[in-house]
PDB file of N, CA and C in Angstrom:
ATOM      1  N   MET A   1      89.483 -11.040  36.422  1.00  0.00           N
ATOM      2  CA  MET A   1      88.748 -10.817  35.185  1.00  0.00           C
ATOM      3  C   MET A   1      87.340 -11.377  35.358  1.00  0.00           C
ATOM      4  N   GLU A   2      86.367 -10.585  35.055  1.00  0.00           N
ATOM      5  CA  GLU A   2      84.980 -11.018  35.155  1.00  0.00           C
ATOM      6  C   GLU A   2      84.561 -11.693  33.866  1.00  0.00           C
ATOM      7  N   LYS A   3      83.484 -12.464  33.958  1.00  0.00           N
ATOM      8  CA  LYS A   3      82.935 -13.090  32.759  1.00  0.00           C
ATOM      9  C   LYS A   3      82.486 -12.013  31.796  1.00  0.00           C
ATOM     10  N   ASN A   4      82.735 -12.242  30.538  1.00  0.00           N
ATOM     11  CA  ASN A   4      82.338 -11.315  29.500  1.00  0.00           C
ATOM     12  C   ASN A   4      81.486 -12.088  28.504  1.00  0.00           C
ATOM     13  N   ALA A   5      80.259 -11.643  28.319  1.00  0.00           N
ATOM     14  CA  ALA A   5      79.319 -12.340  27.431  1.00  0.00           C
ATOM     15  C   ALA A   5      79.815 -12.384  25.991  1.00  0.00           C
ATOM     16  N   ASP A   6      80.748 -11.479  25.632  1.00  0.00           N
ATOM     17  CA  ASP A   6      81.251 -11.427  24.261  1.00  0.00           C
ATOM     18  C   ASP A   6      82.354 -12.458  24.010  1.00  0.00           C
ATOM     19  N   ILE A   7      82.936 -13.009  25.071  1.00  0.00           N
ATOM     20  CA  ILE A   7      84.033 -13.957  24.923  1.00  0.00           C
ATOM     21  C   ILE A   7      83.522 -15.361  25.186  1.00  0.00           C
ATOM     22  N   LYS A   8      83.746 -16.235  24.216  1.00  0.00           N
ATOM     23  CA  LYS A   8      83.370 -17.637  24.375  1.00  0.00           C
ATOM     24  C   LYS A   8      84.667 -18.423  24.593  1.00  0.00           C
ATOM     25  N   PRO A   9      84.821 -19.032  25.775  1.00  0.00           N
ATOM     26  CA  PRO A   9      86.038 -19.805  26.008  1.00  0.00           C
ATOM     27  C   PRO A   9      86.201 -20.920  24.984  1.00  0.00           C
ATOM     28  N   ASP A  10      87.396 -21.001  24.397  1.00  0.00           N
ATOM     29  CA  ASP A  10      87.694 -22.029  23.410  1.00  0.00           C
ATOM     30  C   ASP A  10      89.199 -22.258  23.407  1.00  0.00           C
ATOM     31  N   ALA A  11      89.649 -23.349  23.997  1.00  0.00           N
ATOM     32  CA  ALA A  11      91.080 -23.642  24.122  1.00  0.00           C
ATOM     33  C   ALA A  11      91.748 -23.879  22.769  1.00  0.00           C
ATOM     34  N   PHE A  12      90.973 -24.083  21.710  1.00  0.00           N
ATOM     35  CA  PHE A  12      91.563 -24.212  20.385  1.00  0.00           C
ATOM     36  C   PHE A  12      91.988 -22.865  19.816  1.00  0.00           C
ATOM     37  N   VAL A  13      91.482 -21.773  20.379  1.00  0.00           N
ATOM     38  CA  VAL A  13      91.839 -20.431  19.937  1.00  0.00           C
ATOM     39  C   VAL A  13      93.092 -20.007  20.687  1.00  0.00           C
ATOM     40  N   GLN A  14      94.126 -19.677  19.952  1.00  0.00           N
ATOM     41  CA  GLN A  14      95.429 -19.384  20.543  1.00  0.00           C
ATOM     42  C   GLN A  14      95.389 -18.275  21.589  1.00  0.00           C
ATOM     43  N   ALA A  15      94.624 -17.233  21.347  1.00  0.00           N
ATOM     44  CA  ALA A  15      94.597 -16.086  22.250  1.00  0.00           C
ATOM     45  C   ALA A  15      93.659 -16.276  23.453  1.00  0.00           C
ATOM     46  N   CYS A  16      92.925 -17.361  23.480  1.00  0.00           N
ATOM     47  CA  CYS A  16      91.968 -17.572  24.570  1.00  0.00           C
ATOM     48  C   CYS A  16      92.703 -17.920  25.866  1.00  0.00           C
ATOM     49  N   PRO A  17      92.395 -17.222  26.958  1.00  0.00           N
ATOM     50  CA  PRO A  17      93.037 -17.520  28.248  1.00  0.00           C
ATOM     51  C   PRO A  17      92.815 -18.956  28.720  1.00  0.00           C
ATOM     52  N   SER A  18      91.762 -19.597  28.236  1.00  0.00           N
ATOM     53  CA  SER A  18      91.523 -20.979  28.652  1.00  0.00           C
ATOM     54  C   SER A  18      92.664 -21.897  28.211  1.00  0.00           C
ATOM     55  N   ARG A  19      93.354 -21.538  27.131  1.00  0.00           N
ATOM     56  CA  ARG A  19      94.466 -22.369  26.673  1.00  0.00           C
ATOM     57  C   ARG A  19      95.596 -22.353  27.695  1.00  0.00           C
ATOM     58  N   ASP A  20      95.921 -21.184  28.229  1.00  0.00           N
ATOM     59  CA  ASP A  20      96.970 -21.095  29.251  1.00  0.00           C
ATOM     60  C   ASP A  20      96.601 -21.905  30.481  1.00  0.00           C
ATOM     61  N   ILE A  21      95.339 -21.860  30.853  1.00  0.00           N
ATOM     62  CA  ILE A  21      94.875 -22.624  32.013  1.00  0.00           C
ATOM     63  C   ILE A  21      95.003 -24.114  31.722  1.00  0.00           C
ATOM     64  N   LEU A  22      94.603 -24.535  30.536  1.00  0.00           N
ATOM     65  CA  LEU A  22      94.704 -25.943  30.151  1.00  0.00           C
ATOM     66  C   LEU A  22      96.153 -26.413  30.176  1.00  0.00           C
ATOM     67  N   VAL A  23      97.049 -25.609  29.677  1.00  0.00           N
ATOM     68  CA  VAL A  23      98.475 -25.948  29.696  1.00  0.00           C
ATOM     69  C   VAL A  23      98.953 -26.122  31.133  1.00  0.00           C
ATOM     70  N   ARG A  24      98.558 -25.218  32.014  1.00  0.00           N
ATOM     71  CA  ARG A  24      98.950 -25.322  33.427  1.00  0.00           C
ATOM     72  C   ARG A  24      98.431 -26.604  34.038  1.00  0.00           C
ATOM     73  N   LEU A  25      97.170 -26.933  33.781  1.00  0.00           N
ATOM     74  CA  LEU A  25      96.570 -28.130  34.377  1.00  0.00           C
ATOM     75  C   LEU A  25      97.161 -29.420  33.819  1.00  0.00           C
ATOM     76  N   ALA A  26      97.681 -29.370  32.607  1.00  0.00           N
ATOM     77  CA  ALA A  26      98.242 -30.558  31.974  1.00  0.00           C
ATOM     78  C   ALA A  26      99.693 -30.818  32.377  1.00  0.00           C
ATOM     79  N   GLU A  27     100.306 -29.891  33.105  1.00  0.00           N
ATOM     80  CA  GLU A  27     101.679 -30.098  33.555  1.00  0.00           C
ATOM     81  C   GLU A  27     101.712 -31.273  34.529  1.00  0.00           C
ATOM     82  N   LYS A  28     102.719 -32.126  34.398  1.00  0.00           N
ATOM     83  CA  LYS A  28     102.744 -33.335  35.227  1.00  0.00           C
ATOM     84  C   LYS A  28     102.826 -33.025  36.709  1.00  0.00           C
ATOM     85  N   TRP A  29     103.574 -31.996  37.109  1.00  0.00           N
ATOM     86  CA  TRP A  29     103.684 -31.705  38.542  1.00  0.00           C
ATOM     87  C   TRP A  29     102.380 -31.134  39.079  1.00  0.00           C
ATOM     88  N   THR A  30     101.709 -30.301  38.301  1.00  0.00           N
ATOM     89  CA  THR A  30     100.394 -29.783  38.701  1.00  0.00           C
ATOM     90  C   THR A  30      99.435 -30.940  38.897  1.00  0.00           C
ATOM     91  N   PHE A  31      99.392 -31.820  37.925  1.00  0.00           N
ATOM     92  CA  PHE A  31      98.509 -32.983  37.941  1.00  0.00           C
ATOM     93  C   PHE A  31      98.730 -33.805  39.208  1.00  0.00           C
ATOM     94  N   LEU A  32      99.996 -34.098  39.527  1.00  0.00           N
ATOM     95  CA  LEU A  32     100.313 -34.944  40.675  1.00  0.00           C
ATOM     96  C   LEU A  32     100.102 -34.235  42.009  1.00  0.00           C
ATOM     97  N   VAL A  33     100.366 -32.936  42.081  1.00  0.00           N
ATOM     98  CA  VAL A  33     100.131 -32.185  43.323  1.00  0.00           C
ATOM     99  C   VAL A  33      98.649 -32.194  43.662  1.00  0.00           C
ATOM    100  N   VAL A  34      97.805 -31.993  42.672  1.00  0.00           N
ATOM    101  CA  VAL A  34      96.352 -31.995  42.914  1.00  0.00           C
ATOM    102  C   VAL A  34      95.917 -33.330  43.512  1.00  0.00           C
ATOM    103  N   ILE A  35      96.396 -34.426  42.947  1.00  0.00           N
ATOM    104  CA  ILE A  35      96.028 -35.742  43.478  1.00  0.00           C
ATOM    105  C   ILE A  35      96.612 -35.940  44.879  1.00  0.00           C
ATOM    106  N   ALA A  36      97.841 -35.505  45.081  1.00  0.00           N
ATOM    107  CA  ALA A  36      98.486 -35.669  46.392  1.00  0.00           C
ATOM    108  C   ALA A  36      97.714 -34.941  47.492  1.00  0.00           C
ATOM    109  N   LEU A  37      97.108 -33.814  47.152  1.00  0.00           N
ATOM    110  CA  LEU A  37      96.400 -33.003  48.145  1.00  0.00           C
ATOM    111  C   LEU A  37      94.934 -33.411  48.336  1.00  0.00           C
ATOM    112  N   GLU A  38      94.486 -34.449  47.652  1.00  0.00           N
ATOM    113  CA  GLU A  38      93.063 -34.806  47.709  1.00  0.00           C
ATOM    114  C   GLU A  38      92.576 -35.172  49.100  1.00  0.00           C
ATOM    115  N   ASN A  39      93.449 -35.676  49.959  1.00  0.00           N
ATOM    116  CA  ASN A  39      93.009 -36.109  51.287  1.00  0.00           C
ATOM    117  C   ASN A  39      93.224 -35.064  52.374  1.00  0.00           C
ATOM    118  N   GLY A  40      93.592 -33.859  51.981  1.00  0.00           N
ATOM    119  CA  GLY A  40      93.744 -32.801  52.972  1.00  0.00           C
ATOM    120  C   GLY A  40      95.090 -32.116  52.904  1.00  0.00           C
ATOM    121  N   PRO A  41      95.312 -31.173  53.821  1.00  0.00           N
ATOM    122  CA  PRO A  41      96.520 -30.353  53.806  1.00  0.00           C
ATOM    123  C   PRO A  41      97.794 -31.181  53.951  1.00  0.00           C
ATOM    124  N   MET A  42      98.846 -30.704  53.300  1.00  0.00           N
ATOM    125  CA  MET A  42     100.156 -31.344  53.394  1.00  0.00           C
ATOM    126  C   MET A  42     101.234 -30.283  53.472  1.00  0.00           C
ATOM    127  N   ARG A  43     102.304 -30.642  54.135  1.00  0.00           N
ATOM    128  CA  ARG A  43     103.468 -29.773  54.186  1.00  0.00           C
ATOM    129  C   ARG A  43     104.329 -30.022  52.949  1.00  0.00           C
ATOM    130  N   PHE A  44     105.214 -29.071  52.674  1.00  0.00           N
ATOM    131  CA  PHE A  44     106.070 -29.131  51.496  1.00  0.00           C
ATOM    132  C   PHE A  44     106.867 -30.432  51.455  1.00  0.00           C
ATOM    133  N   GLY A  45     107.520 -30.760  52.572  1.00  0.00           N
ATOM    134  CA  GLY A  45     108.353 -31.962  52.616  1.00  0.00           C
ATOM    135  C   GLY A  45     107.564 -33.229  52.352  1.00  0.00           C
ATOM    136  N   ALA A  46     106.349 -33.298  52.876  1.00  0.00           N
ATOM    137  CA  ALA A  46     105.501 -34.472  52.660  1.00  0.00           C
ATOM    138  C   ALA A  46     105.109 -34.581  51.186  1.00  0.00           C
ATOM    139  N   LEU A  47     104.809 -33.453  50.569  1.00  0.00           N
ATOM    140  CA  LEU A  47     104.490 -33.449  49.136  1.00  0.00           C
ATOM    141  C   LEU A  47     105.695 -33.928  48.326  1.00  0.00           C
ATOM    142  N   ARG A  48     106.848 -33.427  48.675  1.00  0.00           N
ATOM    143  CA  ARG A  48     108.067 -33.785  47.927  1.00  0.00           C
ATOM    144  C   ARG A  48     108.385 -35.272  48.078  1.00  0.00           C
ATOM    145  N   ARG A  49     108.143 -35.830  49.256  1.00  0.00           N
ATOM    146  CA  ARG A  49     108.384 -37.265  49.448  1.00  0.00           C
ATOM    147  C   ARG A  49     107.364 -38.103  48.666  1.00  0.00           C
ATOM    148  N   GLN A  50     106.129 -37.650  48.618  1.00  0.00           N
ATOM    149  CA  GLN A  50     105.101 -38.416  47.917  1.00  0.00           C
ATOM    150  C   GLN A  50     105.292 -38.380  46.410  1.00  0.00           C
ATOM    151  N   ILE A  51     105.708 -37.232  45.885  1.00  0.00           N
ATOM    152  CA  ILE A  51     105.846 -37.070  44.433  1.00  0.00           C
ATOM    153  C   ILE A  51     107.317 -37.273  44.070  1.00  0.00           C
ATOM    154  N   GLU A  52     107.700 -38.512  43.902  1.00  0.00           N
ATOM    155  CA  GLU A  52     109.095 -38.828  43.613  1.00  0.00           C
ATOM    156  C   GLU A  52     109.563 -38.152  42.333  1.00  0.00           C
ATOM    157  N   GLY A  53     110.777 -37.626  42.384  1.00  0.00           N
ATOM    158  CA  GLY A  53     111.386 -37.042  41.194  1.00  0.00           C
ATOM    159  C   GLY A  53     111.200 -35.543  41.047  1.00  0.00           C
ATOM    160  N   VAL A  54     110.299 -34.931  41.805  1.00  0.00           N
ATOM    161  CA  VAL A  54     110.103 -33.489  41.687  1.00  0.00           C
ATOM    162  C   VAL A  54     111.213 -32.784  42.466  1.00  0.00           C
ATOM    163  N   SER A  55     111.812 -31.798  41.841  1.00  0.00           N
ATOM    164  CA  SER A  55     112.861 -31.028  42.518  1.00  0.00           C
ATOM    165  C   SER A  55     112.213 -29.990  43.434  1.00  0.00           C
ATOM    166  N   GLN A  56     112.989 -29.497  44.365  1.00  0.00           N
ATOM    167  CA  GLN A  56     112.485 -28.461  45.269  1.00  0.00           C
ATOM    168  C   GLN A  56     112.044 -27.242  44.464  1.00  0.00           C
ATOM    169  N   LYS A  57     112.839 -26.874  43.472  1.00  0.00           N
ATOM    170  CA  LYS A  57     112.524 -25.710  42.642  1.00  0.00           C
ATOM    171  C   LYS A  57     111.205 -25.898  41.890  1.00  0.00           C
ATOM    172  N   MET A  58     111.017 -27.078  41.274  1.00  0.00           N
ATOM    173  CA  MET A  58     109.789 -27.308  40.500  1.00  0.00           C
ATOM    174  C   MET A  58     108.562 -27.394  41.397  1.00  0.00           C
ATOM    175  N   LEU A  59     108.705 -28.007  42.569  1.00  0.00           N
ATOM    176  CA  LEU A  59     107.576 -28.085  43.473  1.00  0.00           C
ATOM    177  C   LEU A  59     107.198 -26.703  43.982  1.00  0.00           C
ATOM    178  N   THR A  60     108.197 -25.903  44.321  1.00  0.00           N
ATOM    179  CA  THR A  60     107.940 -24.527  44.762  1.00  0.00           C
ATOM    180  C   THR A  60     107.218 -23.745  43.676  1.00  0.00           C
ATOM    181  N   GLN A  61     107.711 -23.830  42.455  1.00  0.00           N
ATOM    182  CA  GLN A  61     107.106 -23.115  41.325  1.00  0.00           C
ATOM    183  C   GLN A  61     105.681 -23.596  41.075  1.00  0.00           C
ATOM    184  N   THR A  62     105.468 -24.899  41.135  1.00  0.00           N
ATOM    185  CA  THR A  62     104.137 -25.460  40.913  1.00  0.00           C
ATOM    186  C   THR A  62     103.162 -24.989  41.984  1.00  0.00           C
ATOM    187  N   LEU A  63     103.583 -25.037  43.236  1.00  0.00           N
ATOM    188  CA  LEU A  63     102.711 -24.599  44.329  1.00  0.00           C
ATOM    189  C   LEU A  63     102.372 -23.114  44.205  1.00  0.00           C
ATOM    190  N   ARG A  64     103.352 -22.300  43.841  1.00  0.00           N
ATOM    191  CA  ARG A  64     103.085 -20.860  43.650  1.00  0.00           C
ATOM    192  C   ARG A  64     102.072 -20.641  42.531  1.00  0.00           C
ATOM    193  N   ASN A  65     102.243 -21.356  41.431  1.00  0.00           N
ATOM    194  CA  ASN A  65     101.315 -21.216  40.307  1.00  0.00           C
ATOM    195  C   ASN A  65      99.905 -21.657  40.686  1.00  0.00           C
ATOM    196  N   LEU A  66      99.791 -22.770  41.402  1.00  0.00           N
ATOM    197  CA  LEU A  66      98.476 -23.253  41.812  1.00  0.00           C
ATOM    198  C   LEU A  66      97.810 -22.288  42.790  1.00  0.00           C
ATOM    199  N   GLU A  67      98.611 -21.693  43.658  1.00  0.00           N
ATOM    200  CA  GLU A  67      98.061 -20.705  44.586  1.00  0.00           C
ATOM    201  C   GLU A  67      97.602 -19.464  43.834  1.00  0.00           C
ATOM    202  N   LYS A  68      98.410 -19.014  42.892  1.00  0.00           N
ATOM    203  CA  LYS A  68      98.050 -17.839  42.085  1.00  0.00           C
ATOM    204  C   LYS A  68      96.766 -18.073  41.297  1.00  0.00           C
ATOM    205  N   ASP A  69      96.560 -19.311  40.853  1.00  0.00           N
ATOM    206  CA  ASP A  69      95.367 -19.652  40.069  1.00  0.00           C
ATOM    207  C   ASP A  69      94.152 -19.954  40.941  1.00  0.00           C
ATOM    208  N   GLY A  70      94.324 -19.901  42.257  1.00  0.00           N
ATOM    209  CA  GLY A  70      93.197 -20.132  43.157  1.00  0.00           C
ATOM    210  C   GLY A  70      92.841 -21.594  43.349  1.00  0.00           C
ATOM    211  N   LEU A  71      93.775 -22.504  43.034  1.00  0.00           N
ATOM    212  CA  LEU A  71      93.499 -23.927  43.152  1.00  0.00           C
ATOM    213  C   LEU A  71      93.961 -24.512  44.485  1.00  0.00           C
ATOM    214  N   ILE A  72      94.913 -23.840  45.133  1.00  0.00           N
ATOM    215  CA  ILE A  72      95.348 -24.259  46.465  1.00  0.00           C
ATOM    216  C   ILE A  72      95.486 -23.028  47.355  1.00  0.00           C
ATOM    217  N   THR A  73      95.490 -23.272  48.656  1.00  0.00           N
ATOM    218  CA  THR A  73      95.809 -22.217  49.614  1.00  0.00           C
ATOM    219  C   THR A  73      97.098 -22.603  50.326  1.00  0.00           C
ATOM    220  N   ARG A  74      97.810 -21.604  50.736  1.00  0.00           N
ATOM    221  CA  ARG A  74      99.047 -21.776  51.497  1.00  0.00           C
ATOM    222  C   ARG A  74      98.804 -21.158  52.856  1.00  0.00           C
ATOM    223  N   ARG A  75      98.920 -21.978  53.896  1.00  0.00           N
ATOM    224  CA  ARG A  75      98.674 -21.490  55.250  1.00  0.00           C
ATOM    225  C   ARG A  75      99.971 -21.579  56.047  1.00  0.00           C
ATOM    226  N   VAL A  76     100.369 -20.431  56.604  1.00  0.00           N
ATOM    227  CA  VAL A  76     101.581 -20.357  57.419  1.00  0.00           C
ATOM    228  C   VAL A  76     101.167 -20.286  58.878  1.00  0.00           C
ATOM    229  N   TYR A  77     101.710 -21.174  59.686  1.00  0.00           N
ATOM    230  CA  TYR A  77     101.430 -21.207  61.125  1.00  0.00           C
ATOM    231  C   TYR A  77     102.580 -20.537  61.862  1.00  0.00           C
ATOM    232  N   ASP A  78     102.237 -19.632  62.758  1.00  0.00           N
ATOM    233  CA  ASP A  78     103.238 -18.887  63.520  1.00  0.00           C
ATOM    234  C   ASP A  78     103.745 -19.750  64.671  1.00  0.00           C
ATOM    235  N   GLU A  79     104.590 -20.705  64.310  1.00  0.00           N
ATOM    236  CA  GLU A  79     105.159 -21.627  65.276  1.00  0.00           C
ATOM    237  C   GLU A  79     106.661 -21.692  65.058  1.00  0.00           C
ATOM    238  N   MET A  80     107.341 -22.246  66.026  1.00  0.00           N
ATOM    239  CA  MET A  80     108.764 -22.487  65.871  1.00  0.00           C
ATOM    240  C   MET A  80     108.991 -23.980  65.919  1.00  0.00           C
ATOM    241  N   PRO A  81     109.525 -24.623  64.909  1.00  0.00           N
ATOM    242  CA  PRO A  81     109.844 -24.019  63.624  1.00  0.00           C
ATOM    243  C   PRO A  81     108.572 -23.682  62.833  1.00  0.00           C
ATOM    244  N   LEU A  82     108.740 -22.784  61.873  1.00  0.00           N
ATOM    245  CA  LEU A  82     107.631 -22.342  61.036  1.00  0.00           C
ATOM    246  C   LEU A  82     107.009 -23.538  60.316  1.00  0.00           C
ATOM    247  N   ARG A  83     105.701 -23.580  60.282  1.00  0.00           N
ATOM    248  CA  ARG A  83     104.990 -24.667  59.612  1.00  0.00           C
ATOM    249  C   ARG A  83     104.124 -24.072  58.510  1.00  0.00           C
ATOM    250  N   VAL A  84     104.241 -24.650  57.315  1.00  0.00           N
ATOM    251  CA  VAL A  84     103.465 -24.202  56.154  1.00  0.00           C
ATOM    252  C   VAL A  84     102.739 -25.415  55.587  1.00  0.00           C
ATOM    253  N   GLU A  85     101.440 -25.255  55.343  1.00  0.00           N
ATOM    254  CA  GLU A  85     100.648 -26.328  54.748  1.00  0.00           C
ATOM    255  C   GLU A  85      99.957 -25.832  53.487  1.00  0.00           C
ATOM    256  N   TYR A  86      99.776 -26.762  52.572  1.00  0.00           N
ATOM    257  CA  TYR A  86      99.093 -26.486  51.317  1.00  0.00           C
ATOM    258  C   TYR A  86      97.827 -27.328  51.269  1.00  0.00           C
ATOM    259  N   GLU A  87      96.753 -26.726  50.754  1.00  0.00           N
ATOM    260  CA  GLU A  87      95.473 -27.413  50.717  1.00  0.00           C
ATOM    261  C   GLU A  87      94.704 -26.991  49.468  1.00  0.00           C
ATOM    262  N   LEU A  88      93.956 -27.921  48.901  1.00  0.00           N
ATOM    263  CA  LEU A  88      93.126 -27.601  47.740  1.00  0.00           C
ATOM    264  C   LEU A  88      91.995 -26.661  48.146  1.00  0.00           C
ATOM    265  N   THR A  89      91.681 -25.721  47.275  1.00  0.00           N
ATOM    266  CA  THR A  89      90.480 -24.911  47.437  1.00  0.00           C
ATOM    267  C   THR A  89      89.307 -25.727  46.872  1.00  0.00           C
ATOM    268  N   ALA A  90      88.110 -25.199  46.994  1.00  0.00           N
ATOM    269  CA  ALA A  90      86.948 -25.878  46.402  1.00  0.00           C
ATOM    270  C   ALA A  90      87.141 -26.020  44.891  1.00  0.00           C
ATOM    271  N   LEU A  91      87.685 -24.996  44.266  1.00  0.00           N
ATOM    272  CA  LEU A  91      87.940 -25.046  42.821  1.00  0.00           C
ATOM    273  C   LEU A  91      88.965 -26.123  42.495  1.00  0.00           C
ATOM    274  N   GLY A  92      90.032 -26.200  43.267  1.00  0.00           N
ATOM    275  CA  GLY A  92      91.053 -27.217  43.053  1.00  0.00           C
ATOM    276  C   GLY A  92      90.523 -28.618  43.283  1.00  0.00           C
ATOM    277  N   ALA A  93      89.649 -28.769  44.277  1.00  0.00           N
ATOM    278  CA  ALA A  93      89.078 -30.077  44.578  1.00  0.00           C
ATOM    279  C   ALA A  93      88.235 -30.612  43.422  1.00  0.00           C
ATOM    280  N   GLU A  94      87.692 -29.728  42.600  1.00  0.00           N
ATOM    281  CA  GLU A  94      86.920 -30.163  41.429  1.00  0.00           C
ATOM    282  C   GLU A  94      87.783 -30.936  40.436  1.00  0.00           C
ATOM    283  N   LEU A  95      89.090 -30.694  40.468  1.00  0.00           N
ATOM    284  CA  LEU A  95      90.002 -31.386  39.549  1.00  0.00           C
ATOM    285  C   LEU A  95      90.304 -32.822  39.967  1.00  0.00           C
ATOM    286  N   VAL A  96      90.156 -33.120  41.249  1.00  0.00           N
ATOM    287  CA  VAL A  96      90.574 -34.426  41.763  1.00  0.00           C
ATOM    288  C   VAL A  96      89.939 -35.590  41.005  1.00  0.00           C
ATOM    289  N   PRO A  97      88.614 -35.650  40.844  1.00  0.00           N
ATOM    290  CA  PRO A  97      88.057 -36.810  40.135  1.00  0.00           C
ATOM    291  C   PRO A  97      88.523 -36.903  38.681  1.00  0.00           C
ATOM    292  N   LEU A  98      88.739 -35.768  38.050  1.00  0.00           N
ATOM    293  CA  LEU A  98      89.231 -35.778  36.666  1.00  0.00           C
ATOM    294  C   LEU A  98      90.649 -36.336  36.609  1.00  0.00           C
ATOM    295  N   ASN A  99      91.511 -35.831  37.485  1.00  0.00           N
ATOM    296  CA  ASN A  99      92.898 -36.296  37.514  1.00  0.00           C
ATOM    297  C   ASN A  99      92.978 -37.761  37.946  1.00  0.00           C
ATOM    298  N   GLN A 100      92.154 -38.148  38.905  1.00  0.00           N
ATOM    299  CA  GLN A 100      92.150 -39.542  39.356  1.00  0.00           C
ATOM    300  C   GLN A 100      91.743 -40.470  38.206  1.00  0.00           C
ATOM    301  N   ALA A 101      90.762 -40.057  37.430  1.00  0.00           N
ATOM    302  CA  ALA A 101      90.315 -40.881  36.304  1.00  0.00           C
ATOM    303  C   ALA A 101      91.433 -41.059  35.282  1.00  0.00           C
ATOM    304  N   ILE A 102      92.154 -40.004  34.982  1.00  0.00           N
ATOM    305  CA  ILE A 102      93.266 -40.089  34.028  1.00  0.00           C
ATOM    306  C   ILE A 102      94.384 -40.952  34.607  1.00  0.00           C
ATOM    307  N   LYS A 103      94.696 -40.766  35.878  1.00  0.00           N
ATOM    308  CA  LYS A 103      95.732 -41.573  36.534  1.00  0.00           C
ATOM    309  C   LYS A 103      95.350 -43.053  36.502  1.00  0.00           C
ATOM    310  N   GLN A 104      94.114 -43.377  36.837  1.00  0.00           N
ATOM    311  CA  GLN A 104      93.670 -44.772  36.838  1.00  0.00           C
ATOM    312  C   GLN A 104      93.691 -45.366  35.435  1.00  0.00           C
ATOM    313  N   TRP A 105      93.259 -44.587  34.439  1.00  0.00           N
ATOM    314  CA  TRP A 105      93.283 -45.062  33.063  1.00  0.00           C
ATOM    315  C   TRP A 105      94.721 -45.353  32.640  1.00  0.00           C
ATOM    316  N   THR A 106      95.621 -44.460  32.988  1.00  0.00           N
ATOM    317  CA  THR A 106      97.032 -44.616  32.631  1.00  0.00           C
ATOM    318  C   THR A 106      97.619 -45.877  33.259  1.00  0.00           C
ATOM    319  N   GLU A 107      97.359 -46.066  34.548  1.00  0.00           N
ATOM    320  CA  GLU A 107      97.892 -47.239  35.236  1.00  0.00           C
ATOM    321  C   GLU A 107      97.269 -48.529  34.698  1.00  0.00           C
ATOM    322  N   HIS A 108      95.977 -48.484  34.374  1.00  0.00           N
ATOM    323  CA  HIS A 108      95.279 -49.654  33.848  1.00  0.00           C
ATOM    324  C   HIS A 108      95.814 -50.060  32.472  1.00  0.00           C
ATOM    325  N   ASN A 109      96.156 -49.061  31.651  1.00  0.00           N
ATOM    326  CA  ASN A 109      96.574 -49.321  30.271  1.00  0.00           C
ATOM    327  C   ASN A 109      98.085 -49.254  30.052  1.00  0.00           C
ATOM    328  N   MET A 110      98.829 -49.134  31.122  1.00  0.00           N
ATOM    329  CA  MET A 110     100.284 -48.965  31.026  1.00  0.00           C
ATOM    330  C   MET A 110     100.942 -50.073  30.198  1.00  0.00           C
ATOM    331  N   PHE A 111     100.616 -51.328  30.485  1.00  0.00           N
ATOM    332  CA  PHE A 111     101.289 -52.426  29.789  1.00  0.00           C
ATOM    333  C   PHE A 111     100.927 -52.474  28.304  1.00  0.00           C
ATOM    334  N   ALA A 112      99.697 -52.176  27.966  1.00  0.00           N
ATOM    335  CA  ALA A 112      99.294 -52.155  26.555  1.00  0.00           C
ATOM    336  C   ALA A 112     100.038 -51.053  25.806  1.00  0.00           C
ATOM    337  N   ILE A 113     100.199 -49.918  26.442  1.00  0.00           N
ATOM    338  CA  ILE A 113     100.909 -48.805  25.803  1.00  0.00           C
ATOM    339  C   ILE A 113     102.393 -49.128  25.671  1.00  0.00           C
ATOM    340  N   LEU A 114     102.982 -49.702  26.716  1.00  0.00           N
ATOM    341  CA  LEU A 114     104.396 -50.083  26.640  1.00  0.00           C
ATOM    342  C   LEU A 114     104.629 -51.115  25.543  1.00  0.00           C
ATOM    343  N   LYS A 115     103.686 -52.061  25.404  1.00  0.00           N
ATOM    344  CA  LYS A 115     103.792 -53.074  24.355  1.00  0.00           C
ATOM    345  C   LYS A 115     103.705 -52.432  22.971  1.00  0.00           C
ATOM    346  N   ALA A 116     102.770 -51.493  22.810  1.00  0.00           N
ATOM    347  CA  ALA A 116     102.629 -50.808  21.513  1.00  0.00           C
ATOM    348  C   ALA A 116     103.899 -50.030  21.175  1.00  0.00           C
ATOM    349  N   ARG A 117     104.480 -49.375  22.170  1.00  0.00           N
ATOM    350  CA  ARG A 117     105.726 -48.643  21.938  1.00  0.00           C
ATOM    351  C   ARG A 117     106.837 -49.580  21.501  1.00  0.00           C
ATOM    352  N   GLU A 118     106.911 -50.724  22.161  1.00  0.00           N
ATOM    353  CA  GLU A 118     107.953 -51.702  21.844  1.00  0.00           C
ATOM    354  C   GLU A 118     107.796 -52.215  20.416  1.00  0.00           C
ATOM    355  N   GLU A 119     106.557 -52.454  20.009  1.00  0.00           N
ATOM    356  CA  GLU A 119     106.292 -52.967  18.659  1.00  0.00           C
ATOM    357  C   GLU A 119     106.613 -51.915  17.590  1.00  0.00           C
ATOM    358  N   LYS A 120     106.507 -50.646  17.931  1.00  0.00           N
ATOM    359  CA  LYS A 120     106.765 -49.570  16.955  1.00  0.00           C
ATOM    360  C   LYS A 120     108.221 -49.131  16.949  1.00  0.00           C
ATOM    361  N   ALA A 121     109.009 -49.620  17.905  1.00  0.00           N
ATOM    362  CA  ALA A 121     110.417 -49.198  18.003  1.00  0.00           C
ATOM    363  C   ALA A 121     111.278 -49.828  16.939  1.00  0.00           C
TER     364      ALA A 121
END
């Protein structure tokens, strides 16, 4: 889809495609895969080991979605055994500082948030 001067992106508008993109980017597995790939290409197994708790099915689905959205590339090497690596595209790499900032904020404020939850329970 090309840019259209008549359409103003606004994620608050239900029909705006930017909302679907925002939802995809806010998914926890998407968020963590982007950060995991910040230092370069990784194989599926390495990603799964780094991102504890993600199932094979969810990681596969997340990687397919990110590839479809142009945020990662999937490179298959014609070797035995077959080797597949995933890497951020330039567009995907733009997300890294944003995701890192949210991750750092979360880790920095974790105890304050846990305390607030405990007080409200």
